[in-house]
Every structure is written in structure tokens, then in C-alpha cells.
C-alpha atoms as a PDB file:
ATOM      1  CA  MET A   1      -7.578  -3.124  37.871  1.00  0.00           C
ATOM      2  CA  ILE A   2      -6.203  -4.084  34.239  1.00  0.00           C
ATOM      3  CA  PHE A   3      -7.994  -2.179  31.540  1.00  0.00           C
ATOM      4  CA  PHE A   4      -6.005  -2.861  28.506  1.00  0.00           C
ATOM      5  CA  SER A   5      -4.395  -5.958  28.921  1.00  0.00           C
ATOM      6  CA  GLU A   6      -6.748  -8.538  28.297  1.00  0.00           C
ATOM      7  CA  LYS A   7      -4.463 -11.523  28.269  1.00  0.00           C
ATOM      8  CA  LYS A   8      -2.946 -10.535  31.549  1.00  0.00           C
ATOM      9  CA  LEU A   9      -6.325 -10.418  32.907  1.00  0.00           C
ATOM     10  CA  ALA A  10      -7.717 -13.350  31.712  1.00  0.00           C
ATOM     11  CA  ARG A  11      -4.498 -15.081  33.274  1.00  0.00           C
ATOM     12  CA  LYS A  12      -5.139 -13.315  36.885  1.00  0.00           C
ATOM     13  CA  LEU A  13      -8.840 -14.424  36.576  1.00  0.00           C
ATOM     14  CA  HIS A  14      -7.696 -18.440  35.580  1.00  0.00           C
ATOM     15  CA  GLU A  15      -5.374 -17.831  38.885  1.00  0.00           C
ATOM     16  CA  GLY A  16      -7.736 -16.552  41.014  1.00  0.00           C
ATOM     17  CA  GLN A  17      -5.993 -13.127  41.652  1.00  0.00           C
ATOM     18  CA  VAL A  18      -9.120 -10.706  40.817  1.00  0.00           C
ATOM     19  CA  THR A  19     -10.825  -9.639  43.794  1.00  0.00           C
ATOM     20  CA  GLU A  20     -14.839  -9.634  44.180  1.00  0.00           C
ATOM     21  CA  LYS A  21     -14.685  -5.818  44.534  1.00  0.00           C
ATOM     22  CA  GLU A  22     -12.613  -5.868  41.238  1.00  0.00           C
ATOM     23  CA  GLN A  23     -15.181  -8.204  39.521  1.00  0.00           C
ATOM     24  CA  MET A  24     -18.255  -5.759  40.436  1.00  0.00           C
ATOM     25  CA  ILE A  25     -15.835  -2.688  39.244  1.00  0.00           C
ATOM     26  CA  TYR A  26     -15.901  -4.449  36.221  1.00  0.00           C
ATOM     27  CA  LEU A  27     -19.327  -5.685  35.977  1.00  0.00           C
ATOM     28  CA  VAL A  28     -20.552  -2.285  36.757  1.00  0.00           C
ATOM     29  CA  ILE A  29     -18.721  -0.635  33.899  1.00  0.00           C
ATOM     30  CA  LEU A  30     -19.860  -3.470  31.505  1.00  0.00           C
ATOM     31  CA  ASN A  31     -23.496  -2.605  32.553  1.00  0.00           C
ATOM     32  CA  LEU A  32     -22.975   1.415  31.967  1.00  0.00           C
ATOM     33  CA  SER A  33     -21.154   0.395  28.438  1.00  0.00           C
ATOM     34  CA  TYR A  34     -24.258  -1.744  27.541  1.00  0.00           C
ATOM     35  CA  ALA A  35     -26.556   1.081  28.868  1.00  0.00           C
ATOM     36  CA  THR A  36     -24.504   3.597  26.902  1.00  0.00           C
ATOM     37  CA  LEU A  37     -24.691   1.399  23.621  1.00  0.00           C
ATOM     38  CA  LEU A  38     -28.407   1.148  24.010  1.00  0.00           C
ATOM     39  CA  MET A  39     -29.375   4.273  24.420  1.00  0.00           C
ATOM     40  CA  ASP A  40     -27.354   5.464  21.250  1.00  0.00           C
ATOM     41  CA  TRP A  41     -29.110   2.392  19.558  1.00  0.00           C
ATOM     42  CA  LEU A  42     -32.695   3.916  20.759  1.00  0.00           C
ATOM     43  CA  SER A  43     -31.791   7.353  19.676  1.00  0.00           C
ATOM     44  CA  SER A  44     -30.866   6.421  16.345  1.00  0.00           C
ATOM     45  CA  ARG A  45     -34.244   4.995  15.750  1.00  0.00           C
ATOM     46  CA  THR A  46     -35.688   8.348  16.414  1.00  0.00           C
ATOM     47  CA  LEU A  47     -33.647  10.267  13.697  1.00  0.00           C
ATOM     48  CA  PRO A  48     -34.965  10.639  10.512  1.00  0.00           C
ATOM     49  CA  PRO A  49     -35.944   7.397   8.856  1.00  0.00           C
ATOM     50  CA  ALA A  50     -32.703   5.554   7.277  1.00  0.00           C
ATOM     51  CA  VAL A  51     -34.039   1.953   7.924  1.00  0.00           C
ATOM     52  CA  ASN A  52     -33.182  -0.550   5.013  1.00  0.00           C
ATOM     53  CA  VAL A  53     -31.828  -3.886   4.343  1.00  0.00           C
ATOM     54  CA  TYR A  54     -28.367  -2.791   5.587  1.00  0.00           C
ATOM     55  CA  SER A  55     -29.354  -1.426   8.928  1.00  0.00           C
ATOM     56  CA  TYR A  56     -31.483  -4.842   9.763  1.00  0.00           C
ATOM     57  CA  ILE A  57     -28.055  -6.503   8.922  1.00  0.00           C
ATOM     58  CA  ILE A  58     -26.196  -4.018  11.368  1.00  0.00           C
ATOM     59  CA  ASP A  59     -29.074  -4.488  14.159  1.00  0.00           C
ATOM     60  CA  LEU A  60     -28.934  -8.470  13.756  1.00  0.00           C
ATOM     61  CA  SER A  61     -25.059  -8.442  13.926  1.00  0.00           C
ATOM     62  CA  VAL A  62     -25.160  -6.757  17.233  1.00  0.00           C
ATOM     63  CA  ILE A  63     -28.182  -8.910  18.540  1.00  0.00           C
ATOM     64  CA  PHE A  64     -26.242 -12.179  17.171  1.00  0.00           C
ATOM     65  CA  SER A  65     -22.893 -10.762  19.042  1.00  0.00           C
ATOM     66  CA  MET A  66     -24.980 -10.071  22.353  1.00  0.00           C
ATOM     67  CA  VAL A  67     -26.416 -13.766  22.517  1.00  0.00           C
ATOM     68  CA  VAL A  68     -23.804 -15.808  20.924  1.00  0.00           C
ATOM     69  CA  THR A  69     -20.700 -14.737  22.471  1.00  0.00           C
ATOM     70  CA  PRO A  70     -21.840 -15.172  25.907  1.00  0.00           C
ATOM     71  CA  ILE A  71     -23.178 -18.637  25.116  1.00  0.00           C
ATOM     72  CA  TYR A  72     -19.884 -19.091  23.240  1.00  0.00           C
ATOM     73  CA  CYS A  73     -18.061 -17.995  26.295  1.00  0.00           C
ATOM     74  CA  ALA A  74     -19.668 -20.388  28.597  1.00  0.00           C
ATOM     75  CA  LEU A  75     -19.007 -23.718  26.278  1.00  0.00           C
ATOM     76  CA  ILE A  76     -15.490 -22.647  26.285  1.00  0.00           C
ATOM     77  CA  ASN A  77     -15.241 -22.107  29.892  1.00  0.00           C
ATOM     78  CA  ARG A  78     -17.460 -25.544  30.485  1.00  0.00           C
ATOM     79  CA  ARG A  79     -14.498 -27.376  28.666  1.00  0.00           C
ATOM     80  CA  GLY A  80     -11.888 -25.521  30.842  1.00  0.00           C
ATOM     81  CA  ASP A  81     -11.944 -25.654  34.479  1.00  0.00           C
ATOM     82  CA  ASN A  82     -15.775 -24.404  34.259  1.00  0.00           C
ATOM     83  CA  LYS A  83     -15.409 -21.764  36.750  1.00  0.00           C
ATOM     84  CA  ASP A  84     -16.403 -18.169  37.851  1.00  0.00           C
ATOM     85  CA  LEU A  85     -18.286 -17.781  34.144  1.00  0.00           C
ATOM     86  CA  ILE A  86     -19.857 -14.345  34.956  1.00  0.00           C
ATOM     87  CA  ALA A  87     -17.392 -12.824  36.551  1.00  0.00           C
ATOM     88  CA  ARG A  88     -14.757 -13.662  33.773  1.00  0.00           C
ATOM     89  CA  TYR A  89     -17.002 -12.687  31.555  1.00  0.00           C
ATOM     90  CA  ALA A  90     -17.844  -9.318  32.929  1.00  0.00           C
ATOM     91  CA  CYS A  91     -13.842  -8.687  33.935  1.00  0.00           C
ATOM     92  CA  VAL A  92     -12.548  -9.644  30.132  1.00  0.00           C
ATOM     93  CA  SER A  93     -15.379  -7.650  28.458  1.00  0.00           C
ATOM     94  CA  ILE A  94     -14.008  -4.454  29.990  1.00  0.00           C
ATOM     95  CA  PRO A  95     -10.456  -4.586  27.754  1.00  0.00           C
ATOM     96  CA  ILE A  96     -12.147  -5.782  24.946  1.00  0.00           C
ATOM     97  CA  LEU A  97     -14.532  -3.116  24.868  1.00  0.00           C
ATOM     98  CA  ILE A  98     -11.952  -0.547  25.227  1.00  0.00           C
ATOM     99  CA  LYS A  99     -10.055  -2.148  22.167  1.00  0.00           C
ATOM    100  CA  LEU A 100     -13.272  -2.593  20.449  1.00  0.00           C
ATOM    101  CA  PHE A 101     -14.681   0.827  20.736  1.00  0.00           C
ATOM    102  CA  PRO A 102     -12.195   3.012  18.199  1.00  0.00           C
ATOM    103  CA  LEU A 103     -11.811   0.273  16.021  1.00  0.00           C
ATOM    104  CA  ALA A 104     -15.678   0.386  15.762  1.00  0.00           C
ATOM    105  CA  CYS A 105     -15.979   4.272  15.325  1.00  0.00           C
ATOM    106  CA  ILE A 106     -13.025   3.568  12.808  1.00  0.00           C
ATOM    107  CA  PHE A 107     -14.766   1.405  10.801  1.00  0.00           C
ATOM    108  CA  GLY A 108     -18.126   3.104  11.210  1.00  0.00           C
ATOM    109  CA  ILE A 109     -17.033   6.240   9.715  1.00  0.00           C
ATOM    110  CA  VAL A 110     -15.138   4.989   7.141  1.00  0.00           C
ATOM    111  CA  THR A 111     -17.891   2.517   5.779  1.00  0.00           C
ATOM    112  CA  PHE A 112     -20.650   4.697   6.381  1.00  0.00           C
ATOM    113  CA  PHE A 113     -18.947   7.508   4.245  1.00  0.00           C
ATOM    114  CA  ALA A 114     -18.138   5.273   1.844  1.00  0.00           C
ATOM    115  CA  ASP A 115     -21.651   4.126   1.471  1.00  0.00           C
ATOM    116  CA  ASN A 116     -22.862   7.919   1.279  1.00  0.00           C
ATOM    117  CA  LEU A 117     -20.051   9.740  -0.755  1.00  0.00           C
ATOM    118  CA  SER A 118     -22.199  10.122  -3.524  1.00  0.00           C
ATOM    119  CA  ILE A 119     -24.812  12.208  -1.566  1.00  0.00           C
ATOM    120  CA  LEU A 120     -22.419  14.901  -1.186  1.00  0.00           C
ATOM    121  CA  SER A 121     -22.005  15.248  -4.739  1.00  0.00           C
ATOM    122  CA  MET A 122     -25.835  16.157  -4.756  1.00  0.00           C
ATOM    123  CA  PRO A 123     -26.794  19.590  -6.280  1.00  0.00           C
ATOM    124  CA  GLU A 124     -28.379  21.182  -2.730  1.00  0.00           C
ATOM    125  CA  PHE A 125     -24.926  20.944  -1.417  1.00  0.00           C
ATOM    126  CA  GLU A 126     -22.678  22.885  -4.028  1.00  0.00           C
ATOM    127  CA  ASP A 127     -24.189  26.186  -2.840  1.00  0.00           C
ATOM    128  CA  PRO A 128     -26.059  26.091   0.555  1.00  0.00           C
ATOM    129  CA  GLU A 129     -27.389  29.247   1.919  1.00  0.00           C
ATOM    130  CA  THR A 130     -26.366  28.059   5.549  1.00  0.00           C
ATOM    131  CA  PRO A 131     -24.003  25.664   6.861  1.00  0.00           C
ATOM    132  CA  SER A 132     -27.197  24.192   8.967  1.00  0.00           C
ATOM    133  CA  ASP A 133     -29.045  23.842   5.553  1.00  0.00           C
ATOM    134  CA  VAL A 134     -26.353  21.491   4.463  1.00  0.00           C
ATOM    135  CA  ILE A 135     -26.437  19.537   7.994  1.00  0.00           C
ATOM    136  CA  ASP A 136     -30.325  18.983   7.805  1.00  0.00           C
ATOM    137  CA  SER A 137     -30.543  18.139   4.280  1.00  0.00           C
ATOM    138  CA  LEU A 138     -27.373  15.199   4.667  1.00  0.00           C
ATOM    139  CA  LEU A 139     -28.884  14.032   7.765  1.00  0.00           C
ATOM    140  CA  LEU A 140     -32.222  13.197   5.849  1.00  0.00           C
ATOM    141  CA  LYS A 141     -30.540  11.366   2.987  1.00  0.00           C
ATOM    142  CA  LEU A 142     -27.808   9.650   4.947  1.00  0.00           C
ATOM    143  CA  GLU A 143     -28.383   5.771   5.264  1.00  0.00           C
ATOM    144  CA  PRO A 144     -26.211   2.722   5.980  1.00  0.00           C
ATOM    145  CA  GLY A 145     -25.253   0.636   2.745  1.00  0.00           C
ATOM    146  CA  PRO A 146     -23.021  -2.687   2.378  1.00  0.00           C
ATOM    147  CA  PHE A 147     -19.884  -0.867   3.269  1.00  0.00           C
ATOM    148  CA  THR A 148     -21.418  -0.033   6.745  1.00  0.00           C
ATOM    149  CA  ALA A 149     -23.095  -3.619   7.039  1.00  0.00           C
ATOM    150  CA  ILE A 150     -19.708  -5.573   6.351  1.00  0.00           C
ATOM    151  CA  GLY A 151     -18.143  -3.392   8.934  1.00  0.00           C
ATOM    152  CA  ALA A 152     -20.230  -4.259  11.476  1.00  0.00           C
ATOM    153  CA  LEU A 153     -20.144  -7.704  10.736  1.00  0.00           C
ATOM    154  CA  LEU A 154     -15.921  -7.566  10.594  1.00  0.00           C
ATOM    155  CA  ILE A 155     -16.547  -5.983  14.344  1.00  0.00           C
ATOM    156  CA  THR A 156     -18.790  -8.568  15.199  1.00  0.00           C
ATOM    157  CA  ILE A 157     -16.435 -11.265  14.269  1.00  0.00           C
ATOM    158  CA  PHE A 158     -13.434  -9.396  15.741  1.00  0.00           C
ATOM    159  CA  SER A 159     -15.218  -9.095  19.310  1.00  0.00           C
ATOM    160  CA  ILE A 160     -16.062 -12.822  19.194  1.00  0.00           C
ATOM    161  CA  TRP A 161     -12.500 -13.833  18.284  1.00  0.00           C
ATOM    162  CA  ARG A 162     -11.436 -11.663  21.301  1.00  0.00           C
ATOM    163  CA  TYR A 163     -13.314 -13.295  23.821  1.00  0.00           C
ATOM    164  CA  LYS A 164     -12.897 -16.729  22.523  1.00  0.00           C
ATOM    165  CA  VAL A 165      -9.082 -16.084  22.947  1.00  0.00           C
ATOM    166  CA  ASN A 166      -9.305 -14.748  26.472  1.00  0.00           C
ATOM    167  CA  PHE A 167     -11.755 -17.411  27.727  1.00  0.00           C
ATOM    168  CA  MET A 168      -9.303 -20.084  26.244  1.00  0.00           C
ATOM    169  CA  ILE A 169      -6.959 -18.613  28.711  1.00  0.00           C
ATOM    170  CA  ALA A 170      -9.229 -17.790  31.466  1.00  0.00           C
ATOM    171  CA  SER A 171     -10.749 -21.393  31.831  1.00  0.00           C
ATOM    172  CA  GLY A 172      -7.037 -22.931  31.564  1.00  0.00           C
ATOM    173  CA  ARG A 173      -7.560 -24.546  28.485  1.00  0.00           C
ATOM    174  CA  VAL A 174      -4.588 -22.521  26.780  1.00  0.00           C
ATOM    175  CA  GLU A 175      -1.233 -21.318  28.864  1.00  0.00           C
ATOM    176  CA  LEU A 176      -0.232 -17.654  28.212  1.00  0.00           C
ATOM    177  CA  LYS A 177       3.593 -17.643  27.919  1.00  0.00           C
END
């Protein structure tokens, strides 16, 4: 099982060296990842309302990525050897998601704080009665802004690019040297 070297995994997929058992493990991990992301998205909708135009841009970028990426991979695969689309998608997704997760966390934290920096200078945060008062007040005021939306769009572009590169290798359209 290869979890970090996506290009090596793509080459092994092209050469037919990934067993059915390994493919199934990749698929299970991928489904668990999607389920976790879905639960995170659903739970974010139950927090205080922070829905604005930027939150819709972020949601649309996630939906766009989840719809366009598999279609794009299928087109690349069809122009290559046109074999094992589902197995390749499931397997290649794991190293991509492993690399994407920390990047998305860093982007998310930096951009979210950039969007909400002005909130921390509000008078109610200068002399709080308890730390929980600060957290409660902060949660009610936080919302995504333009930096967060740009970060989400960059993550979407990065994700689609990584799938493209690896499907070019896995389908035999590009040789890995």
C-alpha cells in the first residue's frame, strides 16, 4: 500500500500491480474520508448562522470539485488506456487527500483569521469575564470572507491538478521517469 507517493501509485496502477484487495482498502479509506468531510460540513451548518456569499462560494467550490474531478479523470482515462477508472480514482485519491488535508487546514486557518481579524479588536474581547465568554462571543461573530473563499478555490484547483497529473500517468498518457 502506497499512501504518500501518488506518482509511484499511479505508475503501479498503470502497470496493473495494485491488487483487488489493495484497491478495496483504498476505496474504503476514500469513502470514510468523504463521510468525515460530509459530517464536518453538516455540523458546520448547525453552528450559529455564518452564511454569506463567501460561504456559498466555498460550498460551490467543494461541489464543483466533487463533480468535475471524477468526470475529468474519466476523460483523461478514456484518452489513455481506458482501464480501471474506479480503482484508479479510489487509489490515487488517498495520497492526494493525505497531501491536501494539511494544506487545506493551513489555508483554512490563515484565511479564516485574515477574514475575521477585525473581530478580535472589538471591545467585548478586551476585558472578558471568563475565557468561555470570549469563545461564545467569537463563535457568534465569525464568518467566512473573501480570503477564505479564495483559499477554497485554490485548494479546488490544486486538487483537480493533482488528479490530472496522476491520471495522465495511470492511464499511460505520460511516462513517469
